[in-house]
């Protein structure tokens, strides 16, 4: 029984950590771009567009 509880606790903590990480990334200003993904792809396209 304790093994099952430990597995559930580990899965719960992993899920809570993932949700907290996604929440933090949504407010992180370092990776702001033009798209919702936050990958900075819009900045790359803007830089390429300005060079032409």
PDB file of N, CA and C in Angstrom:
ATOM      1  N   UNK A   1       0.816  -1.192   0.000  1.00  0.00           N
ATOM      2  CA  UNK A   1       0.000   0.000   0.000  1.00  0.00           C
ATOM      3  C   UNK A   1       0.862   1.259   0.000  1.00  0.00           C
ATOM      4  N   UNK A   2       1.967   1.245   0.728  1.00  0.00           N
ATOM      5  CA  UNK A   2       2.819   2.428   0.772  1.00  0.00           C
ATOM      6  C   UNK A   2       3.492   2.693  -0.569  1.00  0.00           C
ATOM      7  N   UNK A   3       3.751   1.654  -1.332  1.00  0.00           N
ATOM      8  CA  UNK A   3       4.350   1.826  -2.646  1.00  0.00           C
ATOM      9  C   UNK A   3       3.400   2.569  -3.573  1.00  0.00           C
ATOM     10  N   UNK A   4       2.123   2.208  -3.538  1.00  0.00           N
ATOM     11  CA  UNK A   4       1.128   2.876  -4.375  1.00  0.00           C
ATOM     12  C   UNK A   4       0.993   4.346  -3.979  1.00  0.00           C
ATOM     13  N   UNK A   5       1.007   4.635  -2.702  1.00  0.00           N
ATOM     14  CA  UNK A   5       0.909   6.011  -2.241  1.00  0.00           C
ATOM     15  C   UNK A   5       2.136   6.824  -2.652  1.00  0.00           C
ATOM     16  N   UNK A   6       3.303   6.212  -2.620  1.00  0.00           N
ATOM     17  CA  UNK A   6       4.523   6.899  -3.033  1.00  0.00           C
ATOM     18  C   UNK A   6       4.477   7.216  -4.529  1.00  0.00           C
ATOM     19  N   UNK A   7       3.989   6.274  -5.327  1.00  0.00           N
ATOM     20  CA  UNK A   7       3.875   6.496  -6.770  1.00  0.00           C
ATOM     21  C   UNK A   7       2.890   7.623  -7.058  1.00  0.00           C
ATOM     22  N   UNK A   8       1.757   7.623  -6.384  1.00  0.00           N
ATOM     23  CA  UNK A   8       0.757   8.682  -6.567  1.00  0.00           C
ATOM     24  C   UNK A   8       1.326  10.026  -6.148  1.00  0.00           C
ATOM     25  N   UNK A   9       2.053  10.071  -5.042  1.00  0.00           N
ATOM     26  CA  UNK A   9       2.657  11.317  -4.574  1.00  0.00           C
ATOM     27  C   UNK A   9       3.672  11.847  -5.575  1.00  0.00           C
ATOM     28  N   UNK A  10       4.501  10.966  -6.119  1.00  0.00           N
ATOM     29  CA  UNK A  10       5.485  11.376  -7.119  1.00  0.00           C
ATOM     30  C   UNK A  10       4.798  11.912  -8.367  1.00  0.00           C
ATOM     31  N   UNK A  11       3.763  11.221  -8.838  1.00  0.00           N
ATOM     32  CA  UNK A  11       3.035  11.698 -10.021  1.00  0.00           C
ATOM     33  C   UNK A  11       2.357  13.034  -9.753  1.00  0.00           C
ATOM     34  N   UNK A  12       1.784  13.192  -8.573  1.00  0.00           N
ATOM     35  CA  UNK A  12       1.128  14.451  -8.225  1.00  0.00           C
ATOM     36  C   UNK A  12       2.135  15.593  -8.175  1.00  0.00           C
ATOM     37  N   UNK A  13       3.285  15.361  -7.562  1.00  0.00           N
ATOM     38  CA  UNK A  13       4.298  16.409  -7.483  1.00  0.00           C
ATOM     39  C   UNK A  13       4.857  16.762  -8.861  1.00  0.00           C
ATOM     40  N   UNK A  14       5.000  15.764  -9.714  1.00  0.00           N
ATOM     41  CA  UNK A  14       5.469  16.029 -11.078  1.00  0.00           C
ATOM     42  C   UNK A  14       4.446  16.867 -11.843  1.00  0.00           C
ATOM     43  N   UNK A  15       3.166  16.535 -11.708  1.00  0.00           N
ATOM     44  CA  UNK A  15       2.120  17.300 -12.393  1.00  0.00           C
ATOM     45  C   UNK A  15       2.031  18.718 -11.839  1.00  0.00           C
ATOM     46  N   UNK A  16       2.123  18.869 -10.529  1.00  0.00           N
ATOM     47  CA  UNK A  16       2.074  20.202  -9.920  1.00  0.00           C
ATOM     48  C   UNK A  16       3.285  21.023 -10.347  1.00  0.00           C
ATOM     49  N   UNK A  17       4.439  20.401 -10.430  1.00  0.00           N
ATOM     50  CA  UNK A  17       5.633  21.100 -10.896  1.00  0.00           C
ATOM     51  C   UNK A  17       5.516  21.539 -12.342  1.00  0.00           C
ATOM     52  N   UNK A  18       4.939  20.693 -13.178  1.00  0.00           N
ATOM     53  CA  UNK A  18       4.745  21.050 -14.581  1.00  0.00           C
ATOM     54  C   UNK A  18       3.785  22.224 -14.716  1.00  0.00           C
ATOM     55  N   UNK A  19       2.701  22.213 -13.963  1.00  0.00           N
ATOM     56  CA  UNK A  19       1.737  23.319 -14.011  1.00  0.00           C
ATOM     57  C   UNK A  19       2.379  24.606 -13.516  1.00  0.00           C
ATOM     58  N   UNK A  20       3.168  24.522 -12.443  1.00  0.00           N
ATOM     59  CA  UNK A  20       3.849  25.711 -11.924  1.00  0.00           C
ATOM     60  C   UNK A  20       4.852  26.244 -12.941  1.00  0.00           C
ATOM     61  N   UNK A  21       5.571  25.348 -13.614  1.00  0.00           N
ATOM     62  CA  UNK A  21       6.533  25.772 -14.629  1.00  0.00           C
ATOM     63  C   UNK A  21       5.840  26.475 -15.794  1.00  0.00           C
ATOM     64  N   UNK A  22       4.713  25.917 -16.266  1.00  0.00           N
ATOM     65  CA  UNK A  22       3.970  26.549 -17.363  1.00  0.00           C
ATOM     66  C   UNK A  22       3.405  27.898 -16.932  1.00  0.00           C
ATOM     67  N   UNK A  23       2.957  27.995 -15.685  1.00  0.00           N
ATOM     68  CA  UNK A  23       2.443  29.258 -15.154  1.00  0.00           C
ATOM     69  C   UNK A  23       3.567  30.291 -15.121  1.00  0.00           C
ATOM     70  N   UNK A  24       4.746  29.888 -14.663  1.00  0.00           N
ATOM     71  CA  UNK A  24       5.883  30.802 -14.603  1.00  0.00           C
ATOM     72  C   UNK A  24       6.287  31.254 -16.003  1.00  0.00           C
ATOM     73  N   UNK A  25       6.320  30.340 -16.951  1.00  0.00           N
ATOM     74  CA  UNK A  25       6.707  30.684 -18.315  1.00  0.00           C
ATOM     75  C   UNK A  25       5.724  31.647 -18.967  1.00  0.00           C
ATOM     76  N   UNK A  26       4.457  31.617 -18.556  1.00  0.00           N
ATOM     77  CA  UNK A  26       3.485  32.528 -19.149  1.00  0.00           C
ATOM     78  C   UNK A  26       3.730  33.971 -18.722  1.00  0.00           C
ATOM     79  N   UNK A  27       4.404  34.179 -17.583  1.00  0.00           N
ATOM     80  CA  UNK A  27       4.701  35.527 -17.110  1.00  0.00           C
ATOM     81  C   UNK A  27       6.166  35.904 -17.280  1.00  0.00           C
ATOM     82  N   UNK A  28       6.966  35.023 -17.822  1.00  0.00           N
ATOM     83  CA  UNK A  28       8.383  35.277 -18.020  1.00  0.00           C
ATOM     84  C   UNK A  28       8.565  36.259 -19.160  1.00  0.00           C
ATOM     85  N   UNK A  29       9.207  37.378 -18.917  1.00  0.00           N
ATOM     86  CA  UNK A  29       9.355  38.433 -19.925  1.00  0.00           C
ATOM     87  C   UNK A  29      10.578  38.244 -20.818  1.00  0.00           C
ATOM     88  N   UNK A  30      11.462  37.330 -20.480  1.00  0.00           N
ATOM     89  CA  UNK A  30      12.674  37.162 -21.278  1.00  0.00           C
ATOM     90  C   UNK A  30      12.394  36.585 -22.654  1.00  0.00           C
ATOM     91  N   UNK A  31      11.412  35.738 -22.781  1.00  0.00           N
ATOM     92  CA  UNK A  31      11.153  35.059 -24.045  1.00  0.00           C
ATOM     93  C   UNK A  31       9.916  35.598 -24.731  1.00  0.00           C
ATOM     94  N   UNK A  32       9.675  36.877 -24.653  1.00  0.00           N
ATOM     95  CA  UNK A  32       8.481  37.420 -25.288  1.00  0.00           C
ATOM     96  C   UNK A  32       8.713  37.531 -26.786  1.00  0.00           C
ATOM     97  N   UNK A  33       7.758  37.119 -27.521  1.00  0.00           N
ATOM     98  CA  UNK A  33       7.789  37.189 -28.961  1.00  0.00           C
ATOM     99  C   UNK A  33       6.417  37.606 -29.454  1.00  0.00           C
ATOM    100  N   UNK A  34       6.227  37.571 -30.730  1.00  0.00           N
ATOM    101  CA  UNK A  34       4.952  37.971 -31.280  1.00  0.00           C
ATOM    102  C   UNK A  34       3.904  36.882 -31.236  1.00  0.00           C
ATOM    103  N   UNK A  35       4.331  35.664 -31.020  1.00  0.00           N
ATOM    104  CA  UNK A  35       3.376  34.569 -30.999  1.00  0.00           C
ATOM    105  C   UNK A  35       3.152  34.101 -29.563  1.00  0.00           C
ATOM    106  N   UNK A  36       2.130  33.313 -29.359  1.00  0.00           N
ATOM    107  CA  UNK A  36       1.758  32.880 -28.017  1.00  0.00           C
ATOM    108  C   UNK A  36       2.688  31.805 -27.470  1.00  0.00           C
ATOM    109  N   UNK A  37       3.488  31.186 -28.331  1.00  0.00           N
ATOM    110  CA  UNK A  37       4.359  30.113 -27.878  1.00  0.00           C
ATOM    111  C   UNK A  37       5.519  30.622 -27.040  1.00  0.00           C
ATOM    112  N   UNK A  38       5.930  31.871 -27.235  1.00  0.00           N
ATOM    113  CA  UNK A  38       7.041  32.418 -26.483  1.00  0.00           C
ATOM    114  C   UNK A  38       8.395  31.933 -26.963  1.00  0.00           C
ATOM    115  N   UNK A  39       8.457  31.461 -28.190  1.00  0.00           N
ATOM    116  CA  UNK A  39       9.719  30.936 -28.700  1.00  0.00           C
ATOM    117  C   UNK A  39      10.581  32.027 -29.319  1.00  0.00           C
ATOM    118  N   UNK A  40      10.033  33.216 -29.512  1.00  0.00           N
ATOM    119  CA  UNK A  40      10.790  34.302 -30.101  1.00  0.00           C
ATOM    120  C   UNK A  40      10.832  34.259 -31.607  1.00  0.00           C
ATOM    121  N   UNK A  41       9.990  33.460 -32.234  1.00  0.00           N
ATOM    122  CA  UNK A  41      10.026  33.320 -33.685  1.00  0.00           C
ATOM    123  C   UNK A  41       9.639  34.624 -34.382  1.00  0.00           C
ATOM    124  N   UNK A  42       8.791  35.428 -33.788  1.00  0.00           N
ATOM    125  CA  UNK A  42       8.396  36.685 -34.408  1.00  0.00           C
ATOM    126  C   UNK A  42       9.562  37.665 -34.426  1.00  0.00           C
ATOM    127  N   UNK A  43      10.409  37.637 -33.393  1.00  0.00           N
ATOM    128  CA  UNK A  43      11.586  38.499 -33.374  1.00  0.00           C
ATOM    129  C   UNK A  43      12.562  38.107 -34.472  1.00  0.00           C
ATOM    130  N   UNK A  44      12.707  36.804 -34.731  1.00  0.00           N
ATOM    131  CA  UNK A  44      13.579  36.337 -35.800  1.00  0.00           C
ATOM    132  C   UNK A  44      13.062  36.811 -37.148  1.00  0.00           C
ATOM    133  N   UNK A  45      11.759  36.725 -37.352  1.00  0.00           N
ATOM    134  CA  UNK A  45      11.169  37.156 -38.619  1.00  0.00           C
ATOM    135  C   UNK A  45      11.280  38.665 -38.773  1.00  0.00           C
ATOM    136  N   UNK A  46      11.128  39.424 -37.687  1.00  0.00           N
ATOM    137  CA  UNK A  46      11.240  40.878 -37.750  1.00  0.00           C
ATOM    138  C   UNK A  46      12.670  41.285 -38.090  1.00  0.00           C
ATOM    139  N   UNK A  47      13.652  40.610 -37.524  1.00  0.00           N
ATOM    140  CA  UNK A  47      15.049  40.914 -37.817  1.00  0.00           C
ATOM    141  C   UNK A  47      15.378  40.583 -39.268  1.00  0.00           C
ATOM    142  N   UNK A  48      14.860  39.495 -39.773  1.00  0.00           N
ATOM    143  CA  UNK A  48      15.092  39.106 -41.162  1.00  0.00           C
ATOM    144  C   UNK A  48      14.422  40.099 -42.096  1.00  0.00           C
ATOM    145  N   UNK A  49      13.238  40.539 -41.741  1.00  0.00           N
ATOM    146  CA  UNK A  49      12.497  41.481 -42.578  1.00  0.00           C
ATOM    147  C   UNK A  49      13.221  42.831 -42.659  1.00  0.00           C
ATOM    148  N   UNK A  50      13.823  43.274 -41.571  1.00  0.00           N
ATOM    149  CA  UNK A  50      14.518  44.557 -41.546  1.00  0.00           C
ATOM    150  C   UNK A  50      15.789  44.517 -42.364  1.00  0.00           C
ATOM    151  N   UNK A  51      16.414  43.351 -42.489  1.00  0.00           N
ATOM    152  CA  UNK A  51      17.654  43.247 -43.249  1.00  0.00           C
ATOM    153  C   UNK A  51      17.416  43.330 -44.744  1.00  0.00           C
ATOM    154  N   UNK A  52      16.243  42.994 -45.200  1.00  0.00           N
ATOM    155  CA  UNK A  52      15.974  42.975 -46.641  1.00  0.00           C
ATOM    156  C   UNK A  52      15.744  44.328 -47.202  1.00  0.00           C
TER     157      UNK A  52
END
